[in-house]
N, C-alpha and C. Protein backbone atom coordinates (compact mmCIF):
# COMPACT_ATOMS: atom_id res chain seq x y z
N MET A 1 -50.97 -52.66 108.55
CA MET A 1 -49.79 -52.90 109.47
C MET A 1 -48.31 -53.41 108.81
N LYS A 2 -47.40 -52.74 108.66
CA LYS A 2 -46.06 -52.66 107.90
C LYS A 2 -45.44 -54.55 108.62
N LEU A 3 -45.30 -55.44 107.81
CA LEU A 3 -44.01 -55.98 109.08
C LEU A 3 -43.17 -56.16 108.69
N LEU A 4 -42.10 -55.61 107.83
CA LEU A 4 -41.03 -55.23 107.48
C LEU A 4 -40.62 -54.00 107.44
N ASN A 5 -39.66 -52.73 107.61
CA ASN A 5 -39.45 -51.82 107.26
C ASN A 5 -38.04 -51.83 106.82
N ASP A 6 -37.09 -52.77 106.69
CA ASP A 6 -36.11 -52.49 105.26
C ASP A 6 -35.30 -54.21 105.63
N ILE A 7 -33.93 -53.94 105.33
CA ILE A 7 -33.05 -55.20 105.16
C ILE A 7 -32.35 -54.90 106.26
N GLN A 8 -31.88 -56.18 106.35
CA GLN A 8 -31.58 -55.98 108.04
C GLN A 8 -29.73 -56.48 107.62
N HIS A 9 -29.33 -57.13 106.79
CA HIS A 9 -28.52 -57.55 106.48
C HIS A 9 -28.04 -58.47 105.10
N LEU A 10 -26.97 -58.23 104.67
CA LEU A 10 -26.94 -59.36 103.15
C LEU A 10 -25.99 -59.57 103.38
N THR A 11 -25.57 -60.97 102.98
CA THR A 11 -24.46 -62.48 103.20
C THR A 11 -23.53 -62.85 101.99
N PHE A 12 -22.37 -62.11 101.60
CA PHE A 12 -21.68 -62.92 100.72
C PHE A 12 -20.51 -63.43 101.37
N ILE A 13 -19.38 -63.70 99.99
CA ILE A 13 -18.25 -64.10 100.63
C ILE A 13 -17.18 -63.05 99.73
N THR A 14 -15.88 -63.00 100.53
CA THR A 14 -15.07 -62.03 100.27
C THR A 14 -14.10 -62.76 100.35
N ALA A 15 -12.49 -62.78 99.18
CA ALA A 15 -11.72 -63.53 99.79
C ALA A 15 -10.66 -62.50 100.18
N ASP A 16 -10.67 -61.08 100.86
CA ASP A 16 -9.73 -60.40 101.63
C ASP A 16 -11.02 -59.35 102.40
N MET A 17 -10.82 -59.88 103.62
CA MET A 17 -11.79 -59.04 104.50
C MET A 17 -11.26 -57.59 104.59
N ASP A 18 -10.02 -57.64 104.66
CA ASP A 18 -9.81 -56.46 105.66
C ASP A 18 -9.37 -54.82 104.17
N ARG A 19 -9.60 -56.32 102.86
CA ARG A 19 -9.48 -55.45 101.56
C ARG A 19 -10.86 -54.55 102.01
N LEU A 20 -11.99 -55.34 101.59
CA LEU A 20 -13.38 -54.72 101.65
C LEU A 20 -13.48 -54.24 102.66
N ILE A 21 -13.73 -54.35 103.87
CA ILE A 21 -13.62 -52.84 105.05
C ILE A 21 -12.86 -52.19 104.78
N ALA A 22 -12.21 -51.64 104.22
CA ALA A 22 -11.11 -50.69 103.99
C ALA A 22 -12.29 -49.77 102.52
N PHE A 23 -12.51 -50.54 101.71
CA PHE A 23 -13.28 -49.85 100.75
C PHE A 23 -14.35 -49.20 101.47
N TYR A 24 -15.09 -50.14 102.22
CA TYR A 24 -16.52 -49.60 102.43
C TYR A 24 -16.40 -48.94 103.72
N GLU A 25 -15.18 -48.54 104.40
CA GLU A 25 -14.96 -47.42 105.15
C GLU A 25 -15.02 -46.40 104.24
N ARG A 26 -13.97 -46.53 103.06
CA ARG A 26 -13.30 -45.03 102.67
C ARG A 26 -14.50 -44.83 101.40
N VAL A 27 -15.12 -45.61 100.92
CA VAL A 27 -15.25 -44.62 99.91
C VAL A 27 -17.46 -44.63 100.26
N PHE A 28 -17.64 -45.39 101.18
CA PHE A 28 -19.41 -45.44 101.96
C PHE A 28 -18.87 -45.16 103.41
N GLU A 29 -17.97 -44.19 104.23
CA GLU A 29 -18.08 -43.85 105.58
C GLU A 29 -18.98 -45.39 106.13
N ALA A 30 -18.65 -46.66 105.97
CA ALA A 30 -19.48 -47.76 106.89
C ALA A 30 -18.38 -47.81 107.79
N ARG A 31 -19.10 -48.46 109.22
CA ARG A 31 -18.30 -48.88 110.09
C ARG A 31 -18.86 -50.35 110.09
N VAL A 32 -17.53 -50.69 110.90
CA VAL A 32 -17.44 -52.44 111.55
C VAL A 32 -18.29 -52.33 112.68
N THR A 33 -18.56 -53.18 113.39
CA THR A 33 -19.55 -53.34 114.32
C THR A 33 -19.47 -54.62 114.88
N VAL A 34 -19.00 -55.55 113.94
CA VAL A 34 -18.51 -57.17 114.43
C VAL A 34 -17.88 -57.67 113.64
N ASP A 35 -17.07 -58.23 114.42
CA ASP A 35 -15.50 -58.63 114.07
C ASP A 35 -15.23 -60.11 113.97
N LEU A 36 -15.88 -60.63 113.96
CA LEU A 36 -15.29 -62.28 114.73
C LEU A 36 -14.75 -63.31 113.76
N GLU A 37 -13.60 -64.15 113.77
CA GLU A 37 -12.93 -65.21 113.73
C GLU A 37 -13.65 -66.77 114.68
N GLU A 38 -14.06 -67.85 113.55
CA GLU A 38 -14.29 -68.98 114.49
C GLU A 38 -14.03 -69.83 113.14
N ASP A 39 -14.20 -71.42 113.81
CA ASP A 39 -13.69 -72.16 113.04
C ASP A 39 -13.36 -72.02 111.71
N GLY A 40 -12.13 -71.28 111.23
CA GLY A 40 -11.84 -70.73 110.20
C GLY A 40 -11.98 -70.04 108.62
N LEU A 41 -13.26 -69.40 109.56
CA LEU A 41 -13.77 -68.43 109.02
C LEU A 41 -14.11 -67.10 109.90
N ARG A 42 -14.51 -66.14 108.78
CA ARG A 42 -13.89 -64.62 109.68
C ARG A 42 -15.11 -64.38 108.86
N HIS A 43 -15.88 -63.57 109.78
CA HIS A 43 -17.30 -62.68 109.01
C HIS A 43 -16.87 -61.53 110.04
N THR A 44 -18.14 -60.26 109.53
CA THR A 44 -17.76 -59.02 110.08
C THR A 44 -19.29 -58.62 109.24
N PHE A 45 -19.88 -57.13 110.92
CA PHE A 45 -20.64 -56.85 109.80
C PHE A 45 -20.32 -55.45 109.65
N ILE A 46 -20.27 -54.54 108.70
CA ILE A 46 -20.53 -53.53 107.92
C ILE A 46 -21.92 -53.07 108.02
N GLU A 47 -21.78 -51.58 108.56
CA GLU A 47 -23.10 -50.63 108.78
C GLU A 47 -22.86 -49.69 107.70
N VAL A 48 -23.58 -50.33 106.72
CA VAL A 48 -24.05 -49.10 105.64
C VAL A 48 -24.76 -48.06 105.66
N GLY A 49 -25.41 -48.56 106.64
CA GLY A 49 -26.87 -47.40 106.76
C GLY A 49 -27.67 -47.39 108.12
N PRO A 50 -28.82 -46.39 108.06
CA PRO A 50 -28.88 -46.86 109.94
C PRO A 50 -29.73 -48.40 110.19
N HIS A 51 -29.99 -48.80 109.12
CA HIS A 51 -30.71 -50.22 109.68
C HIS A 51 -30.12 -51.52 108.34
N THR A 52 -28.96 -51.04 107.68
CA THR A 52 -28.72 -51.96 106.97
C THR A 52 -26.67 -51.93 106.92
N VAL A 53 -26.70 -53.72 106.96
CA VAL A 53 -25.55 -53.78 107.48
C VAL A 53 -25.04 -54.56 105.88
N LEU A 54 -23.45 -55.25 105.73
CA LEU A 54 -22.98 -55.98 105.20
C LEU A 54 -22.84 -56.94 106.07
N HIS A 55 -22.69 -58.42 105.73
CA HIS A 55 -22.02 -59.46 106.64
C HIS A 55 -21.43 -60.25 105.51
N PRO A 56 -20.61 -59.86 105.16
CA PRO A 56 -18.85 -60.53 104.66
C PRO A 56 -18.52 -61.72 105.07
N PHE A 57 -17.64 -62.78 104.45
CA PHE A 57 -17.69 -64.42 105.13
C PHE A 57 -16.66 -64.27 104.47
N GLN A 58 -15.22 -64.41 105.26
CA GLN A 58 -14.22 -64.67 104.48
C GLN A 58 -13.64 -66.67 104.85
N VAL A 59 -13.97 -67.58 103.99
CA VAL A 59 -14.08 -68.79 104.46
C VAL A 59 -12.51 -69.37 103.75
N THR A 60 -11.68 -69.71 104.57
CA THR A 60 -10.99 -70.78 103.89
C THR A 60 -10.78 -71.22 102.82
N GLY A 61 -10.22 -71.16 101.54
CA GLY A 61 -10.80 -72.15 100.61
C GLY A 61 -11.76 -72.00 100.25
N VAL A 62 -12.76 -70.97 100.07
CA VAL A 62 -13.55 -70.44 99.96
C VAL A 62 -13.06 -69.25 98.36
N GLU A 63 -13.54 -69.12 96.98
CA GLU A 63 -13.36 -67.92 96.90
C GLU A 63 -14.41 -67.71 95.88
N PRO A 64 -14.50 -66.18 96.39
CA PRO A 64 -15.60 -65.33 95.36
C PRO A 64 -15.95 -65.85 93.51
N PRO A 65 -17.00 -66.15 93.04
CA PRO A 65 -17.22 -66.27 92.05
C PRO A 65 -16.24 -65.08 90.83
N ASP A 66 -15.37 -65.38 89.40
CA ASP A 66 -15.17 -64.35 88.93
C ASP A 66 -16.26 -63.39 88.58
N PRO A 67 -16.06 -62.26 88.56
CA PRO A 67 -17.23 -60.94 87.62
C PRO A 67 -17.72 -61.37 86.61
N GLN A 68 -19.49 -62.00 86.60
CA GLN A 68 -19.75 -62.23 85.68
C GLN A 68 -21.47 -61.24 85.09
N PRO A 69 -21.45 -61.17 83.77
CA PRO A 69 -22.42 -60.07 83.29
C PRO A 69 -23.82 -60.17 84.32
N MET A 70 -24.62 -58.99 84.61
CA MET A 70 -25.84 -59.26 85.30
C MET A 70 -26.82 -60.55 84.63
N PHE A 71 -27.57 -61.01 85.50
CA PHE A 71 -27.88 -62.33 85.33
C PHE A 71 -27.63 -63.38 85.52
N GLN A 72 -26.40 -63.81 85.44
CA GLN A 72 -25.48 -64.78 85.41
C GLN A 72 -24.81 -64.78 86.47
N ARG A 73 -24.82 -64.09 87.36
CA ARG A 73 -24.14 -63.85 88.90
C ARG A 73 -24.68 -65.38 89.78
N GLY A 74 -25.49 -65.59 89.38
CA GLY A 74 -26.11 -66.61 90.98
C GLY A 74 -27.20 -66.21 91.66
N ARG A 75 -27.62 -66.61 92.64
CA ARG A 75 -29.26 -66.30 93.54
C ARG A 75 -28.91 -64.93 93.96
N LEU A 76 -28.04 -64.08 93.94
CA LEU A 76 -28.03 -62.62 94.35
C LEU A 76 -27.10 -62.17 93.43
N ASP A 77 -28.16 -61.55 92.38
CA ASP A 77 -27.55 -60.65 91.57
C ASP A 77 -26.80 -59.46 91.63
N HIS A 78 -27.48 -58.42 92.26
CA HIS A 78 -26.14 -57.08 92.83
C HIS A 78 -27.45 -56.85 93.97
N PHE A 79 -26.83 -55.41 94.52
CA PHE A 79 -27.40 -54.79 95.69
C PHE A 79 -27.69 -53.96 95.54
N ALA A 80 -28.64 -52.63 95.46
CA ALA A 80 -28.34 -51.19 95.52
C ALA A 80 -28.83 -50.68 96.96
N LEU A 81 -27.77 -49.83 97.15
CA LEU A 81 -27.24 -49.29 98.30
C LEU A 81 -28.11 -47.56 98.00
N ASN A 82 -28.89 -47.08 98.83
CA ASN A 82 -29.86 -46.07 98.64
C ASN A 82 -29.78 -45.00 99.38
N ALA A 83 -28.91 -43.85 98.65
CA ALA A 83 -28.20 -42.66 99.15
C ALA A 83 -29.34 -41.97 100.07
N ALA A 84 -28.78 -40.67 100.77
CA ALA A 84 -29.15 -40.24 101.96
C ALA A 84 -30.12 -38.65 101.17
N SER A 85 -29.52 -38.26 100.02
CA SER A 85 -30.00 -37.09 99.35
C SER A 85 -29.24 -37.53 97.95
N GLU A 86 -29.88 -36.27 97.48
CA GLU A 86 -29.27 -36.05 96.28
C GLU A 86 -27.92 -35.67 96.48
N GLU A 87 -27.47 -34.64 97.27
CA GLU A 87 -26.16 -34.43 97.31
C GLU A 87 -24.74 -35.74 98.09
N ALA A 88 -25.24 -36.71 98.53
CA ALA A 88 -24.79 -37.65 99.19
C ALA A 88 -24.44 -38.67 97.67
N PHE A 89 -25.34 -38.66 96.60
CA PHE A 89 -25.40 -39.63 95.46
C PHE A 89 -24.68 -38.99 94.73
N ARG A 90 -24.38 -37.76 94.75
CA ARG A 90 -23.26 -36.88 93.63
C ARG A 90 -21.70 -37.29 94.86
N GLU A 91 -21.54 -37.30 96.04
CA GLU A 91 -20.61 -37.26 96.87
C GLU A 91 -19.77 -38.78 96.32
N LEU A 92 -21.08 -39.68 96.74
CA LEU A 92 -20.50 -41.30 96.39
C LEU A 92 -20.39 -41.51 95.16
N ARG A 93 -20.75 -40.86 93.95
CA ARG A 93 -20.47 -41.16 93.02
C ARG A 93 -19.04 -40.44 92.77
N ARG A 94 -18.89 -39.52 92.82
CA ARG A 94 -17.45 -38.75 92.92
C ARG A 94 -16.42 -40.29 93.72
N ARG A 95 -16.80 -40.29 95.05
CA ARG A 95 -15.74 -41.25 95.91
C ARG A 95 -15.38 -42.03 94.83
N VAL A 96 -16.27 -43.19 93.78
CA VAL A 96 -16.40 -44.37 93.50
C VAL A 96 -15.27 -43.78 92.23
N VAL A 97 -15.85 -43.31 91.75
CA VAL A 97 -14.93 -42.98 90.54
C VAL A 97 -13.27 -42.72 90.90
N THR A 98 -13.42 -41.79 91.90
CA THR A 98 -12.01 -41.19 91.92
C THR A 98 -11.09 -42.96 92.83
N GLU A 99 -11.99 -43.76 93.38
CA GLU A 99 -11.43 -45.37 93.82
C GLU A 99 -11.22 -46.05 92.52
N GLY A 100 -11.82 -45.54 91.54
CA GLY A 100 -11.55 -46.27 90.29
C GLY A 100 -12.35 -47.99 90.29
N ALA A 101 -13.74 -47.64 90.74
CA ALA A 101 -14.79 -48.20 91.04
C ALA A 101 -16.07 -48.26 89.90
N GLY A 102 -15.61 -47.25 89.24
CA GLY A 102 -17.04 -47.22 88.46
C GLY A 102 -17.00 -46.26 88.18
N ASN A 103 -17.05 -45.86 86.95
CA ASN A 103 -16.70 -45.27 85.45
C ASN A 103 -18.56 -43.84 85.82
N GLY A 104 -19.50 -43.95 87.08
CA GLY A 104 -19.81 -42.97 87.46
C GLY A 104 -21.30 -42.66 86.22
N VAL A 105 -21.28 -43.50 85.26
CA VAL A 105 -22.61 -43.01 85.04
C VAL A 105 -23.78 -43.16 85.05
N VAL A 106 -24.54 -42.26 85.08
CA VAL A 106 -26.07 -42.00 85.83
C VAL A 106 -26.90 -42.38 85.27
N THR A 107 -27.70 -43.42 85.64
CA THR A 107 -28.86 -43.71 85.33
C THR A 107 -30.10 -43.32 85.52
N ASP A 108 -30.98 -41.84 84.19
CA ASP A 108 -32.12 -41.76 85.02
C ASP A 108 -33.14 -42.37 84.76
N MET A 109 -33.73 -43.18 85.44
CA MET A 109 -34.83 -44.05 85.54
C MET A 109 -36.41 -43.18 85.31
N GLY A 110 -36.09 -41.48 85.78
CA GLY A 110 -37.48 -41.36 85.84
C GLY A 110 -37.51 -41.01 87.04
N SER A 111 -37.91 -41.96 88.30
CA SER A 111 -38.12 -41.76 89.46
C SER A 111 -37.50 -41.98 90.58
N LEU A 112 -35.68 -42.16 89.86
CA LEU A 112 -34.85 -42.55 90.60
C LEU A 112 -33.38 -42.43 90.02
N LEU A 113 -32.59 -41.97 90.45
CA LEU A 113 -30.79 -41.91 89.54
C LEU A 113 -30.11 -43.25 90.68
N SER A 114 -28.88 -44.22 88.91
CA SER A 114 -28.36 -44.88 89.81
C SER A 114 -27.16 -44.97 89.10
N PHE A 115 -26.36 -44.97 89.84
CA PHE A 115 -24.69 -45.71 89.19
C PHE A 115 -24.23 -46.61 89.41
N GLY A 116 -23.25 -47.21 88.86
CA GLY A 116 -23.26 -48.81 89.58
C GLY A 116 -21.34 -48.72 90.12
N PHE A 117 -21.39 -49.84 90.99
CA PHE A 117 -19.91 -50.02 91.54
C PHE A 117 -19.24 -51.30 91.49
N ALA A 118 -17.84 -51.10 91.61
CA ALA A 118 -17.35 -52.91 91.61
C ALA A 118 -16.57 -52.83 93.00
N ASP A 119 -17.15 -53.49 93.89
CA ASP A 119 -16.26 -53.91 95.12
C ASP A 119 -14.97 -54.60 94.98
N PRO A 120 -14.19 -54.79 95.66
CA PRO A 120 -12.59 -55.15 95.58
C PRO A 120 -12.77 -56.35 95.11
N ASP A 121 -13.79 -57.85 95.30
CA ASP A 121 -14.40 -58.57 95.09
C ASP A 121 -14.13 -58.73 93.58
N GLY A 122 -15.11 -57.95 92.67
CA GLY A 122 -15.41 -57.83 91.86
C GLY A 122 -17.14 -57.59 91.27
N GLY A 123 -17.68 -57.63 92.75
CA GLY A 123 -19.19 -57.34 93.31
C GLY A 123 -19.43 -56.45 92.35
N CYS A 124 -20.62 -56.86 91.87
CA CYS A 124 -21.35 -55.49 90.71
C CYS A 124 -22.44 -55.12 91.70
N HIS A 125 -22.41 -54.00 92.07
CA HIS A 125 -23.83 -52.96 92.78
C HIS A 125 -24.15 -51.35 92.79
N GLU A 126 -24.77 -51.10 92.96
CA GLU A 126 -25.72 -50.11 92.85
C GLU A 126 -25.34 -48.92 93.83
N VAL A 127 -25.88 -47.68 94.02
CA VAL A 127 -26.21 -46.53 94.03
C VAL A 127 -27.30 -45.93 93.95
N VAL A 128 -28.53 -45.85 94.85
CA VAL A 128 -29.54 -45.38 94.26
C VAL A 128 -29.90 -44.13 95.27
N TRP A 129 -30.80 -43.10 94.47
CA TRP A 129 -31.70 -42.11 94.61
C TRP A 129 -32.64 -41.79 94.27
N VAL A 130 -33.83 -41.57 95.60
CA VAL A 130 -34.87 -42.27 94.55
C VAL A 130 -35.31 -40.52 94.96
N LYS A 131 -36.32 -39.84 93.63
CA LYS A 131 -36.47 -38.94 93.80
C LYS A 131 -37.49 -38.21 95.17
N PRO A 132 -37.49 -37.15 95.21
CA PRO A 132 -38.47 -36.86 96.71
C PRO A 132 -40.17 -37.19 95.92
N GLY A 133 -40.46 -37.59 96.88
CA GLY A 133 -42.24 -37.74 95.80
C GLY A 133 -42.80 -38.85 95.55
N VAL A 134 -41.67 -39.77 95.26
CA VAL A 134 -41.99 -40.30 94.13
C VAL A 134 -42.60 -41.75 94.84
N PRO A 135 -43.89 -42.33 94.74
CA PRO A 135 -44.47 -43.30 95.46
C PRO A 135 -43.78 -44.43 95.40
N ALA A 136 -43.63 -45.50 96.32
CA ALA A 136 -42.75 -46.87 95.56
C ALA A 136 -43.66 -47.45 94.85
N GLY A 137 -44.97 -47.67 94.72
CA GLY A 137 -45.21 -48.51 93.33
C GLY A 137 -44.64 -48.14 91.58
N ALA A 138 -44.13 -46.32 92.27
CA ALA A 138 -43.65 -45.98 90.68
C ALA A 138 -42.31 -45.66 90.68
N LEU A 139 -41.41 -46.54 91.44
CA LEU A 139 -40.09 -46.68 91.35
C LEU A 139 -39.53 -47.53 90.23
N LEU A 140 -39.83 -47.91 89.48
CA LEU A 140 -39.58 -49.09 88.54
C LEU A 140 -40.28 -48.52 87.32
N LYS A 141 -41.15 -47.35 87.35
CA LYS A 141 -41.60 -47.28 85.83
C LYS A 141 -40.91 -46.12 85.34
N ARG A 142 -40.23 -46.35 83.80
CA ARG A 142 -39.35 -44.96 83.07
C ARG A 142 -40.51 -43.73 82.98
N VAL A 143 -40.07 -43.19 82.95
CA VAL A 143 -40.83 -42.01 82.00
C VAL A 143 -40.50 -41.94 81.30
């Protein structure tokens, strides 16, 4: 019996909610499903996939940390968004490069392809495409 089937949401801080929403709408065709302001903070649900939501908060007086090298970013280093197909992966790569949010360098890890992007607050994340027929246990094995 599987107990979980996905990540429902990821929560983080943004300096500018409108700018962040616009970025994810432009690049990832995301949609906002919740947008609330309460007690000095604003938070939204930005749906980026059928089961995955980004849940950023904009809090008065709280700024996201400056960009840091990998593994020096704090408790949550980065997240990876899963492309629906190889064609979607290639299109997202094109959009990220056009947006100036990444250099488009693709890493082939054998079982998956990935490229990095930076969101408007300097958060460094990834888009991955898992090659067909790869069992879950083989995802991080390099060929």
